[in-house]
Amino acid sequence: MKCILLCAGYATRLFPITKNFPKALLEIEEGKPLLNYIVEEVNTIPEIDEIYLVTNDRYAKHFEEWSIALNNEKPISIYNDHTTSNEDRLGAIGDINYVVNRANIQEDVIIIAGDNLFTYPLKGVIDYYHEKQGPVVCSTEIDDIQILRQFAVAELNENDQIVNLIEKPQTPPSNIAVYATYVYPKEILDQIRIYLEEGNNPDAPGYFVEYLYKKMPVYAYRFQGECYDVGTHEALDKVRTLYKHK
């Protein structure tokens, strides 16, 4: 299994601190960037043997220096998608396809947003994936409608299979929010290419799930723990405060 870390967004809501510096490398605790927490959890999964990080031309050097300094136990390869601004970005789904092609990935993948700080163990996600033997997304219940509108929101059947999903809905169909951690069997990778060739939205990865569940069973893993989307100054301040007091 391969891991793809999505770090190619331009984090405009965090300007000016992210204008020339990647959000995923902002420190949460002193000397420890957000991305380190994610990589530490990825390292706990024996079957993941390589990590591919996709970024843009503005941030690529920062990630290259970070990966050298980290000297991680699992090899980390940095892929520069060569975009230079929010206007010419490939979008998260476009970046997944870019890495799949450049790295010639022909194995199952776990895809994780580089700005999601989570406390649940990835082992539970992977075990659930093997149990279901199909695409898996991570989810939790959120009762705040304003927050739900920022996520993909799913309706599930009694087997936790997605029967409806809408990315960033104005009227959420349920309280099940889908976070940006996905496990896909290798057969799905070609479906990502087809999705893009059909002219579908290349941006938020939830749009691909919205497309995929209509073609095959996709299951929602209900994680126990927290997941923080560190996309704003307020969210960054919140997680820094939380981790300071841990």
Protein backbone atom coordinates (compact mmCIF):
# COMPACT_ATOMS: atom_id res chain seq x y z
CA MET A 1 0.00 0.00 0.00
CA LYS A 2 1.13 3.54 -0.81
CA CYS A 3 0.25 6.75 1.01
CA ILE A 4 -0.47 10.01 -0.81
CA LEU A 5 -0.32 13.22 1.22
CA LEU A 6 -2.18 16.16 -0.33
CA CYS A 7 -0.17 19.34 0.28
CA ALA A 8 -0.61 21.32 -2.93
CA GLY A 9 -3.23 23.82 -1.82
CA TYR A 10 -2.25 27.46 -1.40
CA ALA A 11 -3.96 27.99 1.99
CA THR A 12 -5.20 31.46 1.07
CA ARG A 13 -7.33 31.68 4.23
CA LEU A 14 -4.11 31.58 6.27
CA PHE A 15 -2.36 34.40 4.42
CA PRO A 16 0.03 36.07 5.06
CA ILE A 17 1.75 33.27 7.02
CA THR A 18 1.23 30.76 4.20
CA LYS A 19 1.92 33.08 1.28
CA ASN A 20 5.35 31.53 0.81
CA PHE A 21 5.27 28.76 3.41
CA PRO A 22 3.13 25.58 3.42
CA LYS A 23 0.29 25.16 5.90
CA ALA A 24 1.25 21.53 6.56
CA LEU A 25 4.64 22.64 7.93
CA LEU A 26 3.26 25.19 10.38
CA GLU A 27 4.26 24.22 13.91
CA ILE A 28 1.58 22.92 16.28
CA GLU A 29 3.89 22.28 19.19
CA GLU A 30 7.29 23.93 19.33
CA GLY A 31 9.55 22.33 16.75
CA LYS A 32 6.83 19.95 15.49
CA PRO A 33 4.94 20.74 12.27
CA LEU A 34 1.39 19.55 11.64
CA LEU A 35 2.60 17.11 8.99
CA ASN A 36 4.82 15.27 11.46
CA TYR A 37 1.78 14.08 13.40
CA ILE A 38 0.29 12.60 10.22
CA VAL A 39 3.53 10.89 9.19
CA GLU A 40 3.99 9.42 12.66
CA GLU A 41 0.57 7.77 12.35
CA VAL A 42 1.29 6.55 8.81
CA ASN A 43 4.47 4.94 10.17
CA THR A 44 2.33 2.69 12.41
CA ILE A 45 0.88 0.84 9.38
CA PRO A 46 3.36 -1.88 8.30
CA GLU A 47 1.80 -2.44 4.88
CA ILE A 48 2.41 1.17 3.83
CA ASP A 49 5.90 1.04 2.38
CA GLU A 50 6.22 4.48 0.77
CA ILE A 51 4.82 7.97 1.15
CA TYR A 52 4.23 10.31 -1.80
CA LEU A 53 3.70 13.97 -0.98
CA VAL A 54 2.29 16.22 -3.70
CA THR A 55 2.81 19.95 -3.51
CA ASN A 56 3.18 23.00 -5.74
CA ASP A 57 6.13 24.95 -7.09
CA ARG A 58 5.86 27.60 -4.39
CA TYR A 59 6.23 25.14 -1.52
CA ALA A 60 8.25 22.27 -3.01
CA LYS A 61 11.63 23.37 -1.63
CA HIS A 62 10.22 23.63 1.90
CA PHE A 63 8.93 20.06 1.75
CA GLU A 64 12.17 18.76 0.26
CA GLU A 65 14.15 20.32 3.12
CA TRP A 66 11.63 19.00 5.65
CA SER A 67 11.81 15.42 4.34
CA ILE A 68 15.62 15.42 4.45
CA ALA A 69 15.65 16.71 8.03
CA LEU A 70 12.93 14.24 9.10
CA ASN A 71 14.78 11.21 7.71
CA ASN A 72 11.60 9.18 8.09
CA GLU A 73 11.62 5.40 8.50
CA LYS A 74 9.36 5.06 5.45
CA PRO A 75 10.74 6.79 2.32
CA ILE A 76 9.04 10.06 1.38
CA SER A 77 9.04 11.26 -2.23
CA ILE A 78 8.11 14.88 -3.01
CA TYR A 79 6.14 15.55 -6.20
CA ASN A 80 5.93 19.12 -7.48
CA ASP A 81 2.82 19.62 -9.60
CA HIS A 82 4.47 22.78 -11.03
CA THR A 83 1.51 25.05 -10.40
CA THR A 84 2.31 28.49 -9.03
CA SER A 85 -0.94 30.01 -7.78
CA ASN A 86 -4.46 29.30 -6.60
CA GLU A 87 -5.66 30.16 -10.12
CA ASP A 88 -3.71 27.43 -11.96
CA ARG A 89 -3.83 24.69 -9.28
CA LEU A 90 -4.72 21.16 -10.36
CA GLY A 91 -7.16 20.60 -7.48
CA ALA A 92 -6.90 17.74 -4.99
CA ILE A 93 -8.28 15.11 -7.38
CA GLY A 94 -6.06 16.40 -10.15
CA ASP A 95 -3.07 16.10 -7.83
CA ILE A 96 -3.97 12.53 -6.85
CA ASN A 97 -4.06 11.59 -10.53
CA TYR A 98 -0.78 13.45 -11.10
CA VAL A 99 1.02 11.41 -8.43
CA VAL A 100 -0.55 8.12 -9.53
CA ASN A 101 0.78 8.71 -13.05
CA ARG A 102 4.20 10.10 -12.13
CA ALA A 103 4.91 7.43 -9.50
CA ASN A 104 3.24 4.69 -11.58
CA ILE A 105 1.27 3.54 -8.55
CA GLN A 106 -0.28 0.11 -9.04
CA GLU A 107 -1.16 -0.70 -5.44
CA ASP A 108 -3.88 0.18 -2.96
CA VAL A 109 -3.58 3.73 -1.62
CA ILE A 110 -4.47 5.71 1.45
CA ILE A 111 -4.93 9.40 0.69
CA ILE A 112 -4.70 11.97 3.49
CA ALA A 113 -5.06 15.76 3.44
CA GLY A 114 -1.91 17.37 4.78
CA ASP A 115 -3.88 19.88 6.84
CA ASN A 116 -5.98 17.39 8.85
CA LEU A 117 -4.74 16.84 12.38
CA PHE A 118 -6.43 13.71 13.73
CA THR A 119 -6.26 11.74 16.97
CA TYR A 120 -7.75 8.40 15.86
CA PRO A 121 -5.42 5.51 14.93
CA LEU A 122 -5.09 4.73 11.24
CA LYS A 123 -4.95 1.03 12.10
CA GLY A 124 -8.70 1.11 12.66
CA VAL A 125 -9.23 2.61 9.22
CA ILE A 126 -7.04 0.00 7.51
CA ASP A 127 -8.63 -2.90 9.39
CA TYR A 128 -12.07 -1.65 8.37
CA TYR A 129 -10.90 -1.38 4.75
CA HIS A 130 -9.81 -5.02 4.76
CA GLU A 131 -13.10 -6.02 6.35
CA LYS A 132 -15.19 -4.23 3.71
CA GLN A 133 -12.86 -4.98 0.79
CA GLY A 134 -13.92 -1.80 -0.97
CA PRO A 135 -13.35 1.97 -0.95
CA VAL A 136 -13.48 3.53 2.52
CA VAL A 137 -13.82 7.13 3.70
CA CYS A 138 -13.46 8.48 7.23
CA SER A 139 -16.47 10.06 8.89
CA THR A 140 -17.91 11.35 12.13
CA GLU A 141 -21.12 12.94 13.38
CA ILE A 142 -21.31 16.74 13.52
CA ASP A 143 -24.46 18.50 14.64
CA ASP A 144 -23.48 22.07 13.71
CA ILE A 145 -25.03 22.85 10.30
CA GLN A 146 -22.58 25.68 9.61
CA ILE A 147 -19.65 23.28 10.05
CA LEU A 148 -21.35 20.52 8.03
CA ARG A 149 -21.63 22.89 5.08
CA GLN A 150 -17.83 22.87 4.84
CA PHE A 151 -17.63 19.09 4.36
CA ALA A 152 -18.89 16.29 2.19
CA VAL A 153 -21.98 14.99 4.00
CA ALA A 154 -23.17 11.40 3.62
CA GLU A 155 -26.26 9.33 4.25
CA LEU A 156 -25.51 5.71 5.18
CA ASN A 157 -27.45 2.46 5.21
CA GLU A 158 -27.40 -0.13 8.01
CA ASN A 159 -24.01 -1.43 6.74
CA ASP A 160 -22.47 2.07 6.73
CA GLN A 161 -22.47 2.04 2.94
CA ILE A 162 -22.90 5.50 1.41
CA VAL A 163 -26.31 5.87 -0.25
CA ASN A 164 -26.12 9.63 -0.74
CA LEU A 165 -23.31 12.15 -0.53
CA ILE A 166 -23.09 15.86 -1.30
CA GLU A 167 -19.92 17.93 -1.19
CA LYS A 168 -20.37 21.16 0.82
CA PRO A 169 -24.19 21.10 0.83
CA GLN A 170 -26.22 24.15 1.78
CA THR A 171 -28.83 21.76 3.22
CA PRO A 172 -26.92 18.80 4.70
CA PRO A 173 -28.79 15.49 4.18
CA SER A 174 -27.50 14.10 7.50
CA ASN A 175 -25.01 14.83 10.27
CA ILE A 176 -22.34 12.46 8.90
CA ALA A 177 -19.33 14.52 7.82
CA VAL A 178 -16.69 12.92 5.60
CA TYR A 179 -13.11 13.92 6.30
CA ALA A 180 -10.21 13.87 3.87
CA THR A 181 -8.80 10.41 4.58
CA TYR A 182 -9.64 7.78 1.96
CA VAL A 183 -8.52 4.21 1.30
CA TYR A 184 -8.91 2.99 -2.27
CA PRO A 185 -8.12 -0.36 -3.87
CA LYS A 186 -5.75 -0.17 -6.80
CA GLU A 187 -8.61 -0.74 -9.25
CA ILE A 188 -10.05 2.66 -8.34
CA LEU A 189 -6.99 4.58 -9.56
CA ASP A 190 -7.98 4.27 -13.21
CA GLN A 191 -11.47 5.48 -12.26
CA ILE A 192 -9.90 8.75 -11.05
CA ARG A 193 -8.42 9.28 -14.51
CA ILE A 194 -11.80 8.58 -16.12
CA TYR A 195 -13.51 10.95 -13.70
CA LEU A 196 -11.19 13.78 -14.76
CA GLU A 197 -11.40 12.94 -18.48
CA GLU A 198 -15.17 13.26 -18.22
CA GLY A 199 -14.68 16.88 -17.15
CA ASN A 200 -15.74 16.50 -13.53
CA ASN A 201 -14.69 18.87 -10.73
CA PRO A 202 -10.96 18.31 -9.96
CA ASP A 203 -10.96 20.24 -6.70
CA ALA A 204 -12.15 18.86 -3.33
CA PRO A 205 -11.60 15.08 -3.04
CA GLY A 206 -15.17 14.65 -1.78
CA TYR A 207 -16.42 15.31 -5.31
CA PHE A 208 -14.82 12.05 -6.43
CA VAL A 209 -16.56 10.15 -3.60
CA GLU A 210 -19.83 11.76 -4.70
CA TYR A 211 -19.17 10.28 -8.15
CA LEU A 212 -17.82 6.92 -7.00
CA TYR A 213 -20.56 5.77 -4.60
CA LYS A 214 -23.03 5.74 -7.53
CA LYS A 215 -20.85 3.22 -9.35
CA MET A 216 -19.84 0.83 -6.55
CA PRO A 217 -20.18 0.33 -2.79
CA VAL A 218 -18.25 2.92 -0.76
CA TYR A 219 -18.15 2.56 3.03
CA ALA A 220 -17.82 5.11 5.81
CA TYR A 221 -15.51 4.34 8.73
CA ARG A 222 -16.84 6.10 11.83
CA PHE A 223 -13.73 7.18 13.67
CA GLN A 224 -13.52 7.59 17.43
CA GLY A 225 -11.49 10.67 18.24
CA GLU A 226 -10.97 14.12 16.84
CA CYS A 227 -10.01 15.50 13.45
CA TYR A 228 -9.19 19.15 13.01
CA ASP A 229 -9.21 20.80 9.59
CA VAL A 230 -6.50 23.42 10.08
CA GLY A 231 -7.62 25.82 7.39
CA THR A 232 -8.08 29.14 9.18
CA HIS A 233 -6.24 31.27 11.71
CA GLU A 234 -8.90 30.38 14.27
CA ALA A 235 -8.49 26.64 13.67
CA LEU A 236 -4.71 26.93 13.87
CA ASP A 237 -4.90 28.83 17.16
CA LYS A 238 -7.35 26.25 18.52
CA VAL A 239 -5.17 23.20 17.86
CA ARG A 240 -2.05 24.96 19.12
CA THR A 241 -3.86 25.72 22.36
CA LEU A 242 -5.21 22.17 22.66
CA TYR A 243 -1.82 20.57 22.11
CA LYS A 244 -0.10 23.03 24.40
CA HIS A 245 -2.27 21.79 27.28
CA LYS A 246 -1.93 18.07 26.47
